PDB file of N, CA and C in Angstrom:
ATOM      1  N   UNK A   1     -31.983  32.656  -0.752  1.00  0.00           N
ATOM      2  CA  UNK A   1     -30.552  32.804  -0.828  1.00  0.00           C
ATOM      3  C   UNK A   1     -30.183  33.159  -2.263  1.00  0.00           C
ATOM      4  N   UNK A   2     -29.309  34.064  -2.393  1.00  0.00           N
ATOM      5  CA  UNK A   2     -28.846  34.528  -3.688  1.00  0.00           C
ATOM      6  C   UNK A   2     -27.943  33.477  -4.337  1.00  0.00           C
ATOM      7  N   UNK A   3     -27.901  33.440  -5.669  1.00  0.00           N
ATOM      8  CA  UNK A   3     -27.044  32.497  -6.377  1.00  0.00           C
ATOM      9  C   UNK A   3     -25.578  32.782  -6.081  1.00  0.00           C
ATOM     10  N   UNK A   4     -25.223  34.034  -6.059  1.00  0.00           N
ATOM     11  CA  UNK A   4     -23.823  34.382  -5.787  1.00  0.00           C
ATOM     12  C   UNK A   4     -23.428  33.975  -4.372  1.00  0.00           C
ATOM     13  N   UNK A   5     -24.332  34.092  -3.418  1.00  0.00           N
ATOM     14  CA  UNK A   5     -24.035  33.661  -2.054  1.00  0.00           C
ATOM     15  C   UNK A   5     -23.879  32.144  -1.976  1.00  0.00           C
ATOM     16  N   UNK A   6     -24.675  31.414  -2.747  1.00  0.00           N
ATOM     17  CA  UNK A   6     -24.564  29.958  -2.753  1.00  0.00           C
ATOM     18  C   UNK A   6     -23.252  29.518  -3.388  1.00  0.00           C
ATOM     19  N   UNK A   7     -22.817  30.207  -4.442  1.00  0.00           N
ATOM     20  CA  UNK A   7     -21.577  29.836  -5.122  1.00  0.00           C
ATOM     21  C   UNK A   7     -20.343  30.151  -4.269  1.00  0.00           C
ATOM     22  N   UNK A   8     -20.448  31.131  -3.400  1.00  0.00           N
ATOM     23  CA  UNK A   8     -19.323  31.476  -2.530  1.00  0.00           C
ATOM     24  C   UNK A   8     -18.985  30.302  -1.623  1.00  0.00           C
ATOM     25  N   UNK A   9     -19.982  29.521  -1.223  1.00  0.00           N
ATOM     26  CA  UNK A   9     -19.730  28.385  -0.352  1.00  0.00           C
ATOM     27  C   UNK A   9     -19.000  27.264  -1.099  1.00  0.00           C
ATOM     28  N   UNK A  10     -19.145  27.194  -2.420  1.00  0.00           N
ATOM     29  CA  UNK A  10     -18.468  26.169  -3.194  1.00  0.00           C
ATOM     30  C   UNK A  10     -17.025  26.553  -3.536  1.00  0.00           C
ATOM     31  N   UNK A  11     -16.733  27.830  -3.534  1.00  0.00           N
ATOM     32  CA  UNK A  11     -15.396  28.303  -3.893  1.00  0.00           C
ATOM     33  C   UNK A  11     -14.602  28.491  -2.607  1.00  0.00           C
ATOM     34  N   UNK A  12     -13.529  27.706  -2.419  1.00  0.00           N
ATOM     35  CA  UNK A  12     -12.757  27.864  -1.175  1.00  0.00           C
ATOM     36  C   UNK A  12     -11.926  29.142  -1.211  1.00  0.00           C
ATOM     37  N   UNK A  13     -11.917  29.808  -0.102  1.00  0.00           N
ATOM     38  CA  UNK A  13     -11.082  31.005   0.027  1.00  0.00           C
ATOM     39  C   UNK A  13      -9.743  30.558   0.595  1.00  0.00           C
ATOM     40  N   UNK A  14      -8.718  30.591  -0.235  1.00  0.00           N
ATOM     41  CA  UNK A  14      -7.414  30.076   0.170  1.00  0.00           C
ATOM     42  C   UNK A  14      -6.535  31.197   0.708  1.00  0.00           C
ATOM     43  N   UNK A  15      -5.867  30.865   1.760  1.00  0.00           N
ATOM     44  CA  UNK A  15      -4.872  31.802   2.287  1.00  0.00           C
ATOM     45  C   UNK A  15      -3.605  31.656   1.458  1.00  0.00           C
ATOM     46  N   UNK A  16      -2.756  32.640   1.441  1.00  0.00           N
ATOM     47  CA  UNK A  16      -1.581  32.690   0.582  1.00  0.00           C
ATOM     48  C   UNK A  16      -0.675  31.472   0.664  1.00  0.00           C
ATOM     49  N   UNK A  17      -0.281  31.013   1.856  1.00  0.00           N
ATOM     50  CA  UNK A  17       0.676  29.925   1.990  1.00  0.00           C
ATOM     51  C   UNK A  17       0.037  28.545   1.920  1.00  0.00           C
ATOM     52  N   UNK A  18      -1.187  28.423   2.278  1.00  0.00           N
ATOM     53  CA  UNK A  18      -1.810  27.094   2.337  1.00  0.00           C
ATOM     54  C   UNK A  18      -2.351  26.638   0.981  1.00  0.00           C
ATOM     55  N   UNK A  19      -2.404  27.525   0.020  1.00  0.00           N
ATOM     56  CA  UNK A  19      -2.963  27.179  -1.291  1.00  0.00           C
ATOM     57  C   UNK A  19      -1.850  26.703  -2.214  1.00  0.00           C
ATOM     58  N   UNK A  20      -1.962  25.458  -2.706  1.00  0.00           N
ATOM     59  CA  UNK A  20      -0.987  24.911  -3.640  1.00  0.00           C
ATOM     60  C   UNK A  20      -1.513  25.155  -5.055  1.00  0.00           C
ATOM     61  N   UNK A  21      -0.840  26.029  -5.796  1.00  0.00           N
ATOM     62  CA  UNK A  21      -1.314  26.393  -7.133  1.00  0.00           C
ATOM     63  C   UNK A  21      -1.133  25.271  -8.146  1.00  0.00           C
ATOM     64  N   UNK A  22      -0.330  24.245  -7.822  1.00  0.00           N
ATOM     65  CA  UNK A  22      -0.134  23.106  -8.718  1.00  0.00           C
ATOM     66  C   UNK A  22      -1.183  22.013  -8.524  1.00  0.00           C
ATOM     67  N   UNK A  23      -1.971  22.121  -7.486  1.00  0.00           N
ATOM     68  CA  UNK A  23      -3.000  21.114  -7.195  1.00  0.00           C
ATOM     69  C   UNK A  23      -4.376  21.745  -7.396  1.00  0.00           C
ATOM     70  N   UNK A  24      -5.009  21.358  -8.500  1.00  0.00           N
ATOM     71  CA  UNK A  24      -6.336  21.885  -8.804  1.00  0.00           C
ATOM     72  C   UNK A  24      -7.309  20.716  -8.813  1.00  0.00           C
ATOM     73  N   UNK A  25      -8.364  20.807  -8.053  1.00  0.00           N
ATOM     74  CA  UNK A  25      -9.365  19.741  -7.990  1.00  0.00           C
ATOM     75  C   UNK A  25     -10.726  20.305  -8.367  1.00  0.00           C
ATOM     76  N   UNK A  26     -11.607  19.459  -8.888  1.00  0.00           N
ATOM     77  CA  UNK A  26     -12.927  19.938  -9.279  1.00  0.00           C
ATOM     78  C   UNK A  26     -13.816  20.267  -8.084  1.00  0.00           C
ATOM     79  N   UNK A  27     -13.558  19.701  -6.950  1.00  0.00           N
ATOM     80  CA  UNK A  27     -14.340  20.014  -5.766  1.00  0.00           C
ATOM     81  C   UNK A  27     -15.709  19.343  -5.763  1.00  0.00           C
ATOM     82  N   UNK A  28     -16.536  19.795  -4.875  1.00  0.00           N
ATOM     83  CA  UNK A  28     -17.863  19.193  -4.685  1.00  0.00           C
ATOM     84  C   UNK A  28     -18.776  19.463  -5.878  1.00  0.00           C
ATOM     85  N   UNK A  29     -18.637  20.629  -6.497  1.00  0.00           N
ATOM     86  CA  UNK A  29     -19.484  20.952  -7.646  1.00  0.00           C
ATOM     87  C   UNK A  29     -19.172  20.020  -8.826  1.00  0.00           C
ATOM     88  N   UNK A  30     -17.894  19.753  -9.060  1.00  0.00           N
ATOM     89  CA  UNK A  30     -17.516  18.816 -10.119  1.00  0.00           C
ATOM     90  C   UNK A  30     -18.031  17.421  -9.841  1.00  0.00           C
ATOM     91  N   UNK A  31     -17.959  16.993  -8.583  1.00  0.00           N
ATOM     92  CA  UNK A  31     -18.479  15.676  -8.219  1.00  0.00           C
ATOM     93  C   UNK A  31     -19.985  15.606  -8.432  1.00  0.00           C
ATOM     94  N   UNK A  32     -20.710  16.635  -8.050  1.00  0.00           N
ATOM     95  CA  UNK A  32     -22.162  16.627  -8.217  1.00  0.00           C
ATOM     96  C   UNK A  32     -22.561  16.577  -9.695  1.00  0.00           C
ATOM     97  N   UNK A  33     -21.852  17.314 -10.537  1.00  0.00           N
ATOM     98  CA  UNK A  33     -22.140  17.286 -11.977  1.00  0.00           C
ATOM     99  C   UNK A  33     -21.849  15.895 -12.536  1.00  0.00           C
ATOM    100  N   UNK A  34     -20.711  15.322 -12.157  1.00  0.00           N
ATOM    101  CA  UNK A  34     -20.351  13.975 -12.622  1.00  0.00           C
ATOM    102  C   UNK A  34     -21.369  12.947 -12.133  1.00  0.00           C
ATOM    103  N   UNK A  35     -21.803  13.043 -10.891  1.00  0.00           N
ATOM    104  CA  UNK A  35     -22.782  12.106 -10.340  1.00  0.00           C
ATOM    105  C   UNK A  35     -24.126  12.247 -11.059  1.00  0.00           C
ATOM    106  N   UNK A  36     -24.521  13.474 -11.376  1.00  0.00           N
ATOM    107  CA  UNK A  36     -25.784  13.681 -12.100  1.00  0.00           C
ATOM    108  C   UNK A  36     -25.708  13.080 -13.500  1.00  0.00           C
ATOM    109  N   UNK A  37     -24.566  13.247 -14.174  1.00  0.00           N
ATOM    110  CA  UNK A  37     -24.390  12.633 -15.498  1.00  0.00           C
ATOM    111  C   UNK A  37     -24.422  11.111 -15.405  1.00  0.00           C
ATOM    112  N   UNK A  38     -23.793  10.550 -14.379  1.00  0.00           N
ATOM    113  CA  UNK A  38     -23.777   9.096 -14.213  1.00  0.00           C
ATOM    114  C   UNK A  38     -25.184   8.559 -13.967  1.00  0.00           C
ATOM    115  N   UNK A  39     -25.953   9.242 -13.151  1.00  0.00           N
ATOM    116  CA  UNK A  39     -27.333   8.815 -12.894  1.00  0.00           C
ATOM    117  C   UNK A  39     -28.165   8.940 -14.168  1.00  0.00           C
ATOM    118  N   UNK A  40     -27.962   9.993 -14.929  1.00  0.00           N
ATOM    119  CA  UNK A  40     -28.695  10.167 -16.190  1.00  0.00           C
ATOM    120  C   UNK A  40     -28.375   9.068 -17.190  1.00  0.00           C
ATOM    121  N   UNK A  41     -27.106   8.696 -17.311  1.00  0.00           N
ATOM    122  CA  UNK A  41     -26.716   7.617 -18.228  1.00  0.00           C
ATOM    123  C   UNK A  41     -27.308   6.296 -17.762  1.00  0.00           C
ATOM    124  N   UNK A  42     -27.292   6.059 -16.458  1.00  0.00           N
ATOM    125  CA  UNK A  42     -27.866   4.822 -15.919  1.00  0.00           C
ATOM    126  C   UNK A  42     -29.364   4.737 -16.221  1.00  0.00           C
ATOM    127  N   UNK A  43     -30.081   5.840 -16.054  1.00  0.00           N
ATOM    128  CA  UNK A  43     -31.517   5.851 -16.351  1.00  0.00           C
ATOM    129  C   UNK A  43     -31.780   5.645 -17.848  1.00  0.00           C
ATOM    130  N   UNK A  44     -30.956   6.264 -18.704  1.00  0.00           N
ATOM    131  CA  UNK A  44     -31.114   6.063 -20.150  1.00  0.00           C
ATOM    132  C   UNK A  44     -30.850   4.616 -20.546  1.00  0.00           C
ATOM    133  N   UNK A  45     -29.836   3.987 -19.964  1.00  0.00           N
ATOM    134  CA  UNK A  45     -29.540   2.589 -20.270  1.00  0.00           C
ATOM    135  C   UNK A  45     -30.669   1.673 -19.795  1.00  0.00           C
ATOM    136  N   UNK A  46     -31.226   1.980 -18.651  1.00  0.00           N
ATOM    137  CA  UNK A  46     -32.343   1.189 -18.119  1.00  0.00           C
ATOM    138  C   UNK A  46     -33.560   1.314 -19.033  1.00  0.00           C
ATOM    139  N   UNK A  47     -33.840   2.518 -19.495  1.00  0.00           N
ATOM    140  CA  UNK A  47     -34.959   2.746 -20.402  1.00  0.00           C
ATOM    141  C   UNK A  47     -34.723   2.050 -21.740  1.00  0.00           C
ATOM    142  N   UNK A  48     -33.494   2.146 -22.265  1.00  0.00           N
ATOM    143  CA  UNK A  48     -33.179   1.495 -23.535  1.00  0.00           C
ATOM    144  C   UNK A  48     -33.339  -0.014 -23.421  1.00  0.00           C
ATOM    145  N   UNK A  49     -32.910  -0.581 -22.315  1.00  0.00           N
ATOM    146  CA  UNK A  49     -33.030  -2.016 -22.109  1.00  0.00           C
ATOM    147  C   UNK A  49     -34.502  -2.432 -22.075  1.00  0.00           C
ATOM    148  N   UNK A  50     -35.339  -1.633 -21.453  1.00  0.00           N
ATOM    149  CA  UNK A  50     -36.773  -1.918 -21.392  1.00  0.00           C
ATOM    150  C   UNK A  50     -37.397  -1.852 -22.787  1.00  0.00           C
ATOM    151  N   UNK A  51     -37.023  -0.846 -23.570  1.00  0.00           N
ATOM    152  CA  UNK A  51     -37.578  -0.695 -24.916  1.00  0.00           C
ATOM    153  C   UNK A  51     -37.073  -1.787 -25.853  1.00  0.00           C
ATOM    154  N   UNK A  52     -35.817  -2.176 -25.719  1.00  0.00           N
ATOM    155  CA  UNK A  52     -35.278  -3.243 -26.560  1.00  0.00           C
ATOM    156  C   UNK A  52     -35.926  -4.580 -26.232  1.00  0.00           C
ATOM    157  N   UNK A  53     -36.370  -4.744 -24.992  1.00  0.00           N
ATOM    158  CA  UNK A  53     -37.065  -5.968 -24.605  1.00  0.00           C
ATOM    159  C   UNK A  53     -38.429  -6.095 -25.264  1.00  0.00           C
ATOM    160  N   UNK A  54     -39.022  -4.979 -25.636  1.00  0.00           N
ATOM    161  CA  UNK A  54     -40.342  -4.993 -26.283  1.00  0.00           C
ATOM    162  C   UNK A  54     -40.263  -5.328 -27.759  1.00  0.00           C
ATOM    163  N   UNK A  55     -39.086  -5.241 -28.355  1.00  0.00           N
ATOM    164  CA  UNK A  55     -38.922  -5.479 -29.788  1.00  0.00           C
ATOM    165  C   UNK A  55     -39.023  -6.974 -30.057  1.00  0.00           C
ATOM    166  N   UNK A  56     -39.887  -7.330 -30.996  1.00  0.00           N
ATOM    167  CA  UNK A  56     -39.971  -8.726 -31.399  1.00  0.00           C
ATOM    168  C   UNK A  56     -39.556  -8.801 -32.863  1.00  0.00           C
ATOM    169  N   UNK A  57     -38.418  -9.389 -33.094  1.00  0.00           N
ATOM    170  CA  UNK A  57     -37.863  -9.457 -34.431  1.00  0.00           C
ATOM    171  C   UNK A  57     -37.791 -10.910 -34.839  1.00  0.00           C
ATOM    172  N   UNK A  58     -38.392 -11.217 -35.976  1.00  0.00           N
ATOM    173  CA  UNK A  58     -38.341 -12.568 -36.494  1.00  0.00           C
ATOM    174  C   UNK A  58     -37.504 -12.550 -37.754  1.00  0.00           C
ATOM    175  N   UNK A  59     -36.396 -13.262 -37.711  1.00  0.00           N
ATOM    176  CA  UNK A  59     -35.471 -13.254 -38.832  1.00  0.00           C
ATOM    177  C   UNK A  59     -36.027 -14.081 -39.978  1.00  0.00           C
ATOM    178  N   UNK A  60     -35.872 -13.574 -41.196  1.00  0.00           N
ATOM    179  CA  UNK A  60     -36.326 -14.296 -42.381  1.00  0.00           C
ATOM    180  C   UNK A  60     -35.431 -15.509 -42.593  1.00  0.00           C
ATOM    181  N   UNK A  61     -35.989 -16.610 -43.060  1.00  0.00           N
ATOM    182  CA  UNK A  61     -35.170 -17.796 -43.277  1.00  0.00           C
ATOM    183  C   UNK A  61     -34.170 -17.571 -44.413  1.00  0.00           C
ATOM    184  N   UNK A  62     -33.058 -18.265 -44.330  1.00  0.00           N
ATOM    185  CA  UNK A  62     -32.005 -18.156 -45.333  1.00  0.00           C
ATOM    186  C   UNK A  62     -32.476 -18.832 -46.616  1.00  0.00           C
ATOM    187  N   UNK A  63     -32.508 -18.111 -47.749  1.00  0.00           N
ATOM    188  CA  UNK A  63     -33.019 -18.721 -48.986  1.00  0.00           C
ATOM    189  C   UNK A  63     -32.093 -19.812 -49.525  1.00  0.00           C
ATOM    190  N   UNK A  64     -30.813 -19.800 -49.150  1.00  0.00           N
ATOM    191  CA  UNK A  64     -29.884 -20.813 -49.633  1.00  0.00           C
ATOM    192  C   UNK A  64     -29.897 -22.078 -48.781  1.00  0.00           C
ATOM    193  N   UNK A  65     -30.507 -21.992 -47.600  1.00  0.00           N
ATOM    194  CA  UNK A  65     -30.508 -23.139 -46.702  1.00  0.00           C
ATOM    195  C   UNK A  65     -31.494 -24.193 -47.186  1.00  0.00           C
ATOM    196  N   UNK A  66     -31.104 -25.463 -47.108  1.00  0.00           N
ATOM    197  CA  UNK A  66     -32.039 -26.526 -47.494  1.00  0.00           C
ATOM    198  C   UNK A  66     -33.123 -26.656 -46.434  1.00  0.00           C
ATOM    199  N   UNK A  67     -34.301 -26.989 -46.859  1.00  0.00           N
ATOM    200  CA  UNK A  67     -35.403 -27.134 -45.910  1.00  0.00           C
ATOM    201  C   UNK A  67     -36.693 -26.679 -46.541  1.00  0.00           C
ATOM    202  N   UNK A  68     -37.632 -26.333 -45.693  1.00  0.00           N
ATOM    203  CA  UNK A  68     -38.945 -25.921 -46.177  1.00  0.00           C
ATOM    204  C   UNK A  68     -38.866 -24.565 -46.870  1.00  0.00           C
ATOM    205  N   UNK A  69     -39.668 -24.404 -47.924  1.00  0.00           N
ATOM    206  CA  UNK A  69     -39.736 -23.119 -48.626  1.00  0.00           C
ATOM    207  C   UNK A  69     -40.598 -22.167 -47.813  1.00  0.00           C
ATOM    208  N   UNK A  70     -40.254 -20.910 -47.844  1.00  0.00           N
ATOM    209  CA  UNK A  70     -41.011 -19.902 -47.109  1.00  0.00           C
ATOM    210  C   UNK A  70     -42.341 -19.640 -47.793  1.00  0.00           C
ATOM    211  N   UNK A  71     -43.355 -19.325 -47.001  1.00  0.00           N
ATOM    212  CA  UNK A  71     -44.672 -19.026 -47.553  1.00  0.00           C
ATOM    213  C   UNK A  71     -44.639 -17.711 -48.330  1.00  0.00           C
ATOM    214  N   UNK A  72     -43.713 -16.820 -47.966  1.00  0.00           N
ATOM    215  CA  UNK A  72     -43.627 -15.525 -48.634  1.00  0.00           C
ATOM    216  C   UNK A  72     -42.791 -15.609 -49.914  1.00  0.00           C
ATOM    217  N   UNK A  73     -42.091 -16.720 -50.120  1.00  0.00           N
ATOM    218  CA  UNK A  73     -41.257 -16.850 -51.308  1.00  0.00           C
ATOM    219  C   UNK A  73     -42.145 -17.055 -52.527  1.00  0.00           C
ATOM    220  N   UNK A  74     -41.768 -16.494 -53.668  1.00  0.00           N
ATOM    221  CA  UNK A  74     -42.595 -16.652 -54.869  1.00  0.00           C
ATOM    222  C   UNK A  74     -42.519 -18.088 -55.398  1.00  0.00           C
ATOM    223  N   UNK A  75     -43.591 -18.498 -56.070  1.00  0.00           N
ATOM    224  CA  UNK A  75     -43.636 -19.832 -56.666  1.00  0.00           C
ATOM    225  C   UNK A  75     -42.669 -19.878 -57.842  1.00  0.00           C
ATOM    226  N   UNK A  76     -42.474 -21.061 -58.424  1.00  0.00           N
ATOM    227  CA  UNK A  76     -41.455 -21.230 -59.462  1.00  0.00           C
ATOM    228  C   UNK A  76     -41.646 -20.314 -60.665  1.00  0.00           C
ATOM    229  N   UNK A  77     -42.862 -20.097 -61.117  1.00  0.00           N
ATOM    230  CA  UNK A  77     -43.093 -19.303 -62.321  1.00  0.00           C
ATOM    231  C   UNK A  77     -43.246 -17.819 -62.065  1.00  0.00           C
ATOM    232  N   UNK A  78     -43.271 -17.377 -60.793  1.00  0.00           N
ATOM    233  CA  UNK A  78     -43.521 -15.971 -60.469  1.00  0.00           C
ATOM    234  C   UNK A  78     -42.225 -15.221 -60.241  1.00  0.00           C
ATOM    235  N   UNK A  79     -42.297 -13.905 -60.434  1.00  0.00           N
ATOM    236  CA  UNK A  79     -41.162 -13.034 -60.140  1.00  0.00           C
ATOM    237  C   UNK A  79     -41.384 -12.382 -58.781  1.00  0.00           C
ATOM    238  N   UNK A  80     -40.313 -12.196 -58.064  1.00  0.00           N
ATOM    239  CA  UNK A  80     -40.405 -11.480 -56.797  1.00  0.00           C
ATOM    240  C   UNK A  80     -40.467  -9.988 -57.094  1.00  0.00           C
ATOM    241  N   UNK A  81     -41.405  -9.283 -56.464  1.00  0.00           N
ATOM    242  CA  UNK A  81     -41.581  -7.865 -56.730  1.00  0.00           C
ATOM    243  C   UNK A  81     -41.753  -7.110 -55.422  1.00  0.00           C
ATOM    244  N   UNK A  82     -41.085  -5.977 -55.309  1.00  0.00           N
ATOM    245  CA  UNK A  82     -41.229  -5.141 -54.125  1.00  0.00           C
ATOM    246  C   UNK A  82     -42.433  -4.225 -54.257  1.00  0.00           C
ATOM    247  N   UNK A  83     -42.946  -4.067 -55.479  1.00  0.00           N
ATOM    248  CA  UNK A  83     -44.087  -3.196 -55.719  1.00  0.00           C
ATOM    249  C   UNK A  83     -45.351  -4.035 -55.615  1.00  0.00           C
ATOM    250  N   UNK A  84     -46.318  -3.640 -54.772  1.00  0.00           N
ATOM    251  CA  UNK A  84     -47.546  -4.425 -54.654  1.00  0.00           C
ATOM    252  C   UNK A  84     -48.367  -4.345 -55.943  1.00  0.00           C
ATOM    253  N   UNK A  85     -48.997  -5.429 -56.252  1.00  0.00           N
ATOM    254  CA  UNK A  85     -49.818  -5.448 -57.469  1.00  0.00           C
ATOM    255  C   UNK A  85     -51.166  -4.826 -57.198  1.00  0.00           C
ATOM    256  N   UNK A  86     -51.867  -4.442 -58.248  1.00  0.00           N
ATOM    257  CA  UNK A  86     -53.176  -3.840 -58.101  1.00  0.00           C
ATOM    258  C   UNK A  86     -54.207  -4.861 -57.665  1.00  0.00           C
ATOM    259  N   UNK A  87     -53.918  -6.135 -57.896  1.00  0.00           N
ATOM    260  CA  UNK A  87     -54.856  -7.182 -57.537  1.00  0.00           C
ATOM    261  C   UNK A  87     -54.953  -7.365 -56.028  1.00  0.00           C
ATOM    262  N   UNK A  88     -53.933  -6.951 -55.298  1.00  0.00           N
ATOM    263  CA  UNK A  88     -53.933  -7.176 -53.856  1.00  0.00           C
ATOM    264  C   UNK A  88     -54.768  -6.135 -53.091  1.00  0.00           C
ATOM    265  N   UNK A  89     -55.385  -5.215 -53.805  1.00  0.00           N
ATOM    266  CA  UNK A  89     -56.260  -4.236 -53.149  1.00  0.00           C
ATOM    267  C   UNK A  89     -55.533  -3.016 -52.665  1.00  0.00           C
ATOM    268  N   UNK A  90     -54.301  -2.813 -53.039  1.00  0.00           N
ATOM    269  CA  UNK A  90     -53.532  -1.647 -52.616  1.00  0.00           C
ATOM    270  C   UNK A  90     -53.900  -0.443 -53.481  1.00  0.00           C
ATOM    271  N   UNK A  91     -54.007   0.714 -52.866  1.00  0.00           N
ATOM    272  CA  UNK A  91     -54.253   1.942 -53.616  1.00  0.00           C
ATOM    273  C   UNK A  91     -52.944   2.556 -54.029  1.00  0.00           C
ATOM    274  N   UNK A  92     -52.984   3.333 -55.112  1.00  0.00           N
ATOM    275  CA  UNK A  92     -51.782   4.018 -55.556  1.00  0.00           C
ATOM    276  C   UNK A  92     -51.672   5.359 -54.912  1.00  0.00           C
TER     277      UNK A  92
END
């Protein structure tokens, strides 16, 4: 079947008096496009929910909170550094 022949079935052929020019509707093609978008969004949300479930995030303890000191926190005489030292075996 030709594309133009298929599109003719979606376009209603209105007779002069029965066609209301003030009433325009998207028709079946508009509904199908909207339904396809809705299904696509639903699938994306389902996939996002699955991927977010795989994320394991452990929040760092609050440094101002009283309690145990973090193992990653520097000792009293040390400075905190974002740059790894050469002693830790890191290459430059």
